[in-house]
C-alpha cells in the first residue's frame, strides 16, 4: 500500500513505511518509490560502471557506485542498499547487511540530493530556519554545527525549513528554498543540552547511530511547509579555543570565495561532477551568489553560547533588511 508524501518540494508516491514524519500530500506524484528494482539480474549485469566514490569502506570498497544502461541509472551503496532510477520511478532494495532503515536514511539524503540535482535543483548540505519571512541557511560539513543551530532557532520559536539538505531553485529574479521534512537530527551532546534525559527517548536516526531525531510536529516546535525566498547563506566556522576574541562574528564573503564555499557544501559534489553536471552546477552557484549574500559566521565553542550566536544572526538579518 502506498501513500503520497512531500519532501524537498516534490510529491513522492511511496510504497514504503517511513519512520520520519514526512508530510502527507495530494495530487500527481513526481516520484514513485517502489520496492524491487524492476529489472532482471541479466539486465542489471549489463549496466556499465561510470563512477565510484572516492570515499572508501574499511575493506577498500567505494562507499557508492553509479552504473548506467540507457536512461536508467543504478546507484549502489555497497553493503547497504541500491536504487534504480527509471524515469519517475525509483526502485529500491537492501543489499548485504542493509535493512529498511538504511533505505530510508539513504533515500532522504544522498538519493534525493542526486535526484534534485539531476532535475536542476541545487542540493546544499545545510540546515535552514525561516527568519522575517526568508530562509536563513547554515552551511557546514558533517559535525560542523548545522543541526545545533537549527535546534537553537527551533527552541526559540522560529520555524525550521529543514535539516541536512537545502533544496534551492535558482530563478531569474529569486532563489526559492523548498521545505525538507519536520525533523532535526541531534547528536547526544546537543540533544541532552536542550532536552535533558528526554533526548534518550527520541528515535535513533539509524539503529547503529548515536544521533536521534527531534520531531518538529511535537512540543510546540514549528516547521515551515511552504517554499520561501532565500535570504542569506552563513558558512559556519568554529573559533579555536586559543583565539582571544570568542564572540560570534559575521562578515561578508567575496563572491569568488563564496562560490568555493558553496561547492564545498553541496551534498553530492563528486557524483554530480562524475556525470557531467559540474558546469551546470557552477553556473547556478554563480547566479546564486549574485542574488543572495554569503557570510562567514564565526561561532564560539560551547553549546551554552548558542543563544549568543542566534542573537547575532537575528541582528544581522534585521540590519540586512
Protein backbone atom coordinates (compact mmCIF):
# COMPACT_ATOMS: atom_id res chain seq x y z
CA UNK A 1 0.00 0.00 0.00
CA UNK A 2 1.37 3.40 -0.93
CA UNK A 3 0.94 6.92 0.39
CA UNK A 4 1.94 10.26 -1.08
CA UNK A 5 4.33 12.36 0.94
CA UNK A 6 6.02 15.69 0.24
CA UNK A 7 9.73 16.36 0.58
CA UNK A 8 12.06 18.98 -0.92
CA UNK A 9 9.16 20.41 -2.92
CA UNK A 10 8.35 17.06 -4.56
CA UNK A 11 5.43 14.67 -4.16
CA UNK A 12 6.56 11.08 -3.63
CA UNK A 13 4.18 8.14 -4.02
CA UNK A 14 5.94 5.74 -1.67
CA UNK A 15 5.39 2.04 -1.14
CA UNK A 16 7.47 2.33 1.98
CA UNK A 17 6.80 2.91 5.69
CA UNK A 18 8.93 5.90 6.67
CA UNK A 19 9.86 6.32 10.32
CA UNK A 20 10.43 10.07 9.73
CA UNK A 21 7.30 12.25 9.98
CA UNK A 22 7.00 13.14 6.30
CA UNK A 23 4.09 15.47 5.48
CA UNK A 24 1.22 13.85 3.58
CA UNK A 25 0.33 15.31 0.20
CA UNK A 26 -2.23 15.12 -2.58
CA UNK A 27 -2.03 15.49 -6.31
CA UNK A 28 0.04 13.92 -9.04
CA UNK A 29 3.28 12.37 -7.82
CA UNK A 30 6.66 13.47 -9.13
CA UNK A 31 8.43 10.31 -7.93
CA UNK A 32 7.25 6.75 -7.38
CA UNK A 33 9.31 4.92 -4.74
CA UNK A 34 8.77 1.18 -5.10
CA UNK A 35 10.35 -1.97 -3.62
CA UNK A 36 12.42 -4.05 -6.00
CA UNK A 37 14.45 -2.80 -8.92
CA UNK A 38 12.05 -3.76 -11.70
CA UNK A 39 14.96 -5.21 -13.66
CA UNK A 40 16.20 -8.75 -14.05
CA UNK A 41 19.60 -9.95 -12.86
CA UNK A 42 20.67 -10.18 -16.51
CA UNK A 43 19.65 -6.56 -17.13
CA UNK A 44 21.49 -5.38 -14.01
CA UNK A 45 24.61 -7.25 -15.10
CA UNK A 46 24.56 -5.33 -18.40
CA UNK A 47 24.75 -1.92 -16.69
CA UNK A 48 28.01 -0.08 -17.30
CA UNK A 49 30.01 1.27 -14.37
CA UNK A 50 30.54 5.05 -14.72
CA UNK A 51 31.50 6.33 -11.28
CA UNK A 52 32.90 5.21 -7.91
CA UNK A 53 33.04 7.33 -4.77
CA UNK A 54 36.49 8.43 -3.68
CA UNK A 55 35.44 7.63 -0.10
CA UNK A 56 36.11 4.01 0.84
CA UNK A 57 34.92 1.41 3.31
CA UNK A 58 37.49 -0.09 5.65
CA UNK A 59 37.81 -3.02 3.23
CA UNK A 60 38.75 -0.68 0.38
CA UNK A 61 35.43 -0.73 -1.48
CA UNK A 62 33.93 2.62 -2.52
CA UNK A 63 31.02 3.87 -0.42
CA UNK A 64 28.83 4.01 -3.52
CA UNK A 65 28.92 3.44 -7.26
CA UNK A 66 26.84 4.57 -10.23
CA UNK A 67 26.02 2.32 -13.18
CA UNK A 68 24.15 3.24 -16.38
CA UNK A 69 22.10 1.45 -19.02
CA UNK A 70 20.43 3.86 -21.46
CA UNK A 71 18.25 6.23 -19.44
CA UNK A 72 18.30 4.04 -16.34
CA UNK A 73 20.77 4.63 -13.51
CA UNK A 74 21.69 2.24 -10.71
CA UNK A 75 23.04 3.92 -7.58
CA UNK A 76 24.56 1.26 -5.33
CA UNK A 77 25.61 1.90 -1.73
CA UNK A 78 27.82 -1.10 -1.05
CA UNK A 79 26.57 -3.43 1.68
CA UNK A 80 23.53 -1.21 2.40
CA UNK A 81 21.07 -0.62 -0.46
CA UNK A 82 20.74 0.10 -4.15
CA UNK A 83 18.34 2.34 -6.06
CA UNK A 84 17.33 2.18 -9.71
CA UNK A 85 16.30 5.46 -11.37
CA UNK A 86 13.92 4.72 -14.25
CA UNK A 87 12.03 7.84 -15.34
CA UNK A 88 9.87 8.99 -12.40
CA UNK A 89 10.27 5.61 -10.72
CA UNK A 90 12.88 4.82 -8.09
CA UNK A 91 13.14 1.15 -7.24
CA UNK A 92 15.00 0.08 -4.13
CA UNK A 93 16.24 -2.97 -2.29
CA UNK A 94 18.52 -3.54 0.71
CA UNK A 95 21.73 -5.43 -0.05
CA UNK A 96 24.37 -7.05 2.12
CA UNK A 97 23.81 -6.12 5.75
CA UNK A 98 21.38 -3.33 4.80
CA UNK A 99 17.80 -3.04 6.01
CA UNK A 100 14.78 -0.71 5.69
CA UNK A 101 16.36 1.93 7.91
CA UNK A 102 19.36 2.04 5.55
CA UNK A 103 16.95 2.50 2.64
CA UNK A 104 15.21 5.38 4.43
CA UNK A 105 18.41 7.12 5.54
CA UNK A 106 19.91 6.93 2.06
CA UNK A 107 16.74 7.90 0.21
CA UNK A 108 16.14 11.01 2.35
CA UNK A 109 19.75 12.16 1.90
CA UNK A 110 22.08 11.13 -0.93
CA UNK A 111 19.44 9.64 -3.23
CA UNK A 112 17.15 12.67 -3.07
CA UNK A 113 20.13 15.05 -3.35
CA UNK A 114 21.17 13.33 -6.58
CA UNK A 115 17.60 13.33 -7.90
CA UNK A 116 17.25 17.05 -7.19
CA UNK A 117 20.48 17.97 -8.96
CA UNK A 118 19.55 15.87 -11.99
CA UNK A 119 16.26 17.81 -12.04
CA UNK A 120 18.01 21.21 -11.98
CA UNK A 121 17.72 21.95 -8.25
CA UNK A 122 20.80 22.73 -6.15
CA UNK A 123 21.10 20.47 -3.11
CA UNK A 124 23.28 22.03 -0.40
CA UNK A 125 24.46 20.36 2.78
CA UNK A 126 22.75 22.82 5.12
CA UNK A 127 20.09 23.44 7.73
CA UNK A 128 17.72 26.39 7.49
CA UNK A 129 15.37 28.46 9.64
CA UNK A 130 12.79 30.99 8.47
CA UNK A 131 13.51 34.47 9.88
CA UNK A 132 11.45 37.51 8.91
CA UNK A 133 9.85 35.61 6.04
CA UNK A 134 13.07 34.41 4.42
CA UNK A 135 15.17 31.26 4.65
CA UNK A 136 18.44 31.67 6.50
CA UNK A 137 20.73 28.71 5.90
CA UNK A 138 23.78 27.38 7.75
CA UNK A 139 26.45 25.56 5.73
CA UNK A 140 28.96 23.26 7.40
CA UNK A 141 30.43 19.77 6.96
CA UNK A 142 29.08 16.85 8.98
CA UNK A 143 29.59 17.60 12.66
CA UNK A 144 30.03 21.31 11.95
CA UNK A 145 27.06 22.53 13.97
CA UNK A 146 24.26 22.94 11.38
CA UNK A 147 21.74 20.91 13.35
CA UNK A 148 22.74 22.54 16.65
CA UNK A 149 21.99 25.96 15.18
CA UNK A 150 18.70 24.74 13.72
CA UNK A 151 17.70 23.34 17.10
CA UNK A 152 18.61 26.61 18.82
CA UNK A 153 16.28 28.53 16.49
CA UNK A 154 13.55 25.89 16.82
CA UNK A 155 13.53 26.03 20.62
CA UNK A 156 13.48 29.85 20.43
CA UNK A 157 10.23 29.66 18.45
CA UNK A 158 11.40 30.15 14.86
CA UNK A 159 10.13 27.86 12.07
CA UNK A 160 12.61 25.38 10.61
CA UNK A 161 12.68 24.74 6.87
CA UNK A 162 14.91 21.69 7.03
CA UNK A 163 17.98 19.95 8.34
CA UNK A 164 20.75 18.30 6.31
CA UNK A 165 19.64 19.16 2.72
CA UNK A 166 18.60 22.58 1.43
CA UNK A 167 16.91 22.38 -1.99
CA UNK A 168 17.30 25.63 -3.96
CA UNK A 169 15.65 26.59 -7.23
CA UNK A 170 17.63 29.39 -8.86
CA UNK A 171 15.35 31.61 -10.94
CA UNK A 172 15.91 34.79 -12.93
CA UNK A 173 14.87 37.09 -10.08
CA UNK A 174 14.64 34.97 -6.94
CA UNK A 175 16.11 31.95 -5.17
CA UNK A 176 13.43 29.67 -3.73
CA UNK A 177 14.16 27.30 -0.82
CA UNK A 178 11.93 24.23 -0.56
CA UNK A 179 10.93 22.61 2.75
CA UNK A 180 12.59 19.32 3.66
CA UNK A 181 10.67 17.47 6.39
CA UNK A 182 9.86 18.27 10.05
CA UNK A 183 12.77 16.66 11.82
CA UNK A 184 16.21 17.61 13.16
CA UNK A 185 18.92 15.03 13.79
CA UNK A 186 20.77 15.78 17.02
CA UNK A 187 23.96 14.35 18.44
CA UNK A 188 23.85 13.35 22.13
CA UNK A 189 25.58 16.49 23.46
CA UNK A 190 23.24 18.90 21.67
CA UNK A 191 20.17 16.78 22.34
CA UNK A 192 20.80 16.48 26.08
CA UNK A 193 21.63 20.19 26.28
CA UNK A 194 18.15 21.06 25.01
CA UNK A 195 16.11 18.09 26.25
CA UNK A 196 17.95 16.54 29.16
CA UNK A 197 17.06 12.88 29.74
CA UNK A 198 14.16 13.16 27.28
CA UNK A 199 16.72 13.01 24.48
CA UNK A 200 17.21 9.30 25.14
CA UNK A 201 13.52 8.68 24.37
CA UNK A 202 13.84 10.01 20.82
CA UNK A 203 14.03 7.67 17.83
CA UNK A 204 17.53 6.86 16.63
CA UNK A 205 18.35 8.15 13.15
CA UNK A 206 19.66 4.65 12.41
CA UNK A 207 19.86 1.64 14.75
CA UNK A 208 23.67 1.93 14.78
CA UNK A 209 23.79 5.75 15.02
CA UNK A 210 24.17 7.90 18.12
CA UNK A 211 22.11 10.70 16.58
CA UNK A 212 18.43 10.87 17.44
CA UNK A 213 15.54 12.54 15.66
CA UNK A 214 13.69 15.51 17.09
CA UNK A 215 10.23 15.83 15.55
CA UNK A 216 9.15 19.39 14.78
CA UNK A 217 5.50 18.33 14.88
CA UNK A 218 5.64 17.83 18.65
CA UNK A 219 6.33 20.00 21.66
CA UNK A 220 5.20 23.28 20.11
CA UNK A 221 8.07 23.46 17.61
CA UNK A 222 7.40 24.94 14.16
CA UNK A 223 8.07 23.64 10.66
CA UNK A 224 7.65 25.75 7.53
CA UNK A 225 5.89 23.55 4.98
CA UNK A 226 5.88 26.02 2.05
CA UNK A 227 8.79 27.30 -0.09
CA UNK A 228 10.25 30.67 0.87
CA UNK A 229 12.77 33.04 -0.73
CA UNK A 230 16.36 32.51 0.35
CA UNK A 231 17.65 35.45 2.37
CA UNK A 232 21.23 34.58 3.31
CA UNK A 233 23.76 31.75 3.49
CA UNK A 234 26.01 31.57 6.55
CA UNK A 235 29.18 29.47 6.35
CA UNK A 236 29.77 28.20 9.89
CA UNK A 237 33.34 28.37 11.22
CA UNK A 238 34.15 27.39 14.80
CA UNK A 239 36.64 29.55 16.62
CA UNK A 240 39.75 27.94 18.03
CA UNK A 241 39.82 27.99 21.80
CA UNK A 242 43.08 29.95 21.92
CA UNK A 243 41.66 32.84 19.86
CA UNK A 244 41.50 35.96 22.06
CA UNK A 245 38.15 37.07 20.60
CA UNK A 246 35.44 34.50 21.19
CA UNK A 247 32.25 36.39 20.44
CA UNK A 248 30.13 35.36 17.47
CA UNK A 249 31.14 37.39 14.43
CA UNK A 250 29.67 37.77 10.95
CA UNK A 251 31.48 39.07 7.89
CA UNK A 252 30.68 39.04 4.16
CA UNK A 253 32.47 36.65 1.82
CA UNK A 254 33.62 37.83 -1.60
CA UNK A 255 31.66 36.27 -4.46
CA UNK A 256 34.54 34.20 -5.78
CA UNK A 257 35.24 32.74 -2.34
CA UNK A 258 31.52 32.30 -1.76
CA UNK A 259 31.23 30.05 -4.82
CA UNK A 260 34.08 27.90 -3.46
CA UNK A 261 32.34 27.60 -0.10
CA UNK A 262 29.08 26.57 -1.76
CA UNK A 263 30.86 23.97 -3.89
CA UNK A 264 32.28 22.52 -0.68
CA UNK A 265 28.79 22.42 0.81
CA UNK A 266 26.99 20.60 -2.00
CA UNK A 267 25.62 17.25 -0.94
CA UNK A 268 26.89 15.03 -3.75
CA UNK A 269 29.77 17.05 -5.24
CA UNK A 270 31.90 14.32 -6.77
CA UNK A 271 28.96 12.26 -8.04
CA UNK A 272 27.41 15.21 -9.87
CA UNK A 273 30.79 16.09 -11.38
CA UNK A 274 31.25 12.46 -12.38
CA UNK A 275 28.07 12.50 -14.51
CA UNK A 276 28.90 15.76 -16.28
CA UNK A 277 26.79 18.27 -14.35
CA UNK A 278 29.69 20.33 -12.93
CA UNK A 279 29.37 23.18 -15.47
CA UNK A 280 25.62 23.50 -14.91
CA UNK A 281 26.11 23.49 -11.15
CA UNK A 282 28.84 26.14 -11.27
CA UNK A 283 26.62 28.39 -13.38
CA UNK A 284 23.74 28.10 -10.90
CA UNK A 285 26.08 28.78 -7.97
CA UNK A 286 27.41 31.90 -9.68
CA UNK A 287 23.83 33.12 -10.15
CA UNK A 288 23.15 32.29 -6.51
CA UNK A 289 25.96 34.41 -5.05
CA UNK A 290 24.95 37.34 -7.27
CA UNK A 291 21.46 37.31 -5.77
CA UNK A 292 21.97 36.25 -2.15
CA UNK A 293 24.61 37.35 0.38
CA UNK A 294 27.00 34.70 1.64
CA UNK A 295 28.63 35.41 5.01
CA UNK A 296 31.05 33.72 7.36
CA UNK A 297 29.64 33.03 10.80
CA UNK A 298 32.40 32.60 13.39
CA UNK A 299 30.94 30.58 16.25
CA UNK A 300 32.44 30.40 19.75
CA UNK A 301 32.77 26.88 21.07
CA UNK A 302 30.32 25.61 23.65
CA UNK A 303 26.61 24.81 23.49
CA UNK A 304 25.98 27.45 26.15
CA UNK A 305 27.00 30.08 23.56
CA UNK A 306 24.33 29.08 21.02
CA UNK A 307 21.92 31.77 22.21
CA UNK A 308 24.60 34.43 21.53
CA UNK A 309 25.11 33.07 18.03
CA UNK A 310 21.36 33.05 17.42
CA UNK A 311 21.03 36.67 18.53
CA UNK A 312 23.96 37.70 16.33
CA UNK A 313 22.28 36.12 13.29
CA UNK A 314 18.94 37.74 14.11
CA UNK A 315 20.59 41.14 14.46
CA UNK A 316 22.36 40.64 11.12
CA UNK A 317 19.09 39.71 9.41
CA UNK A 318 17.40 42.83 10.76
CA UNK A 319 20.30 45.03 9.61
CA UNK A 320 20.22 43.46 6.16
CA UNK A 321 16.52 44.23 5.77
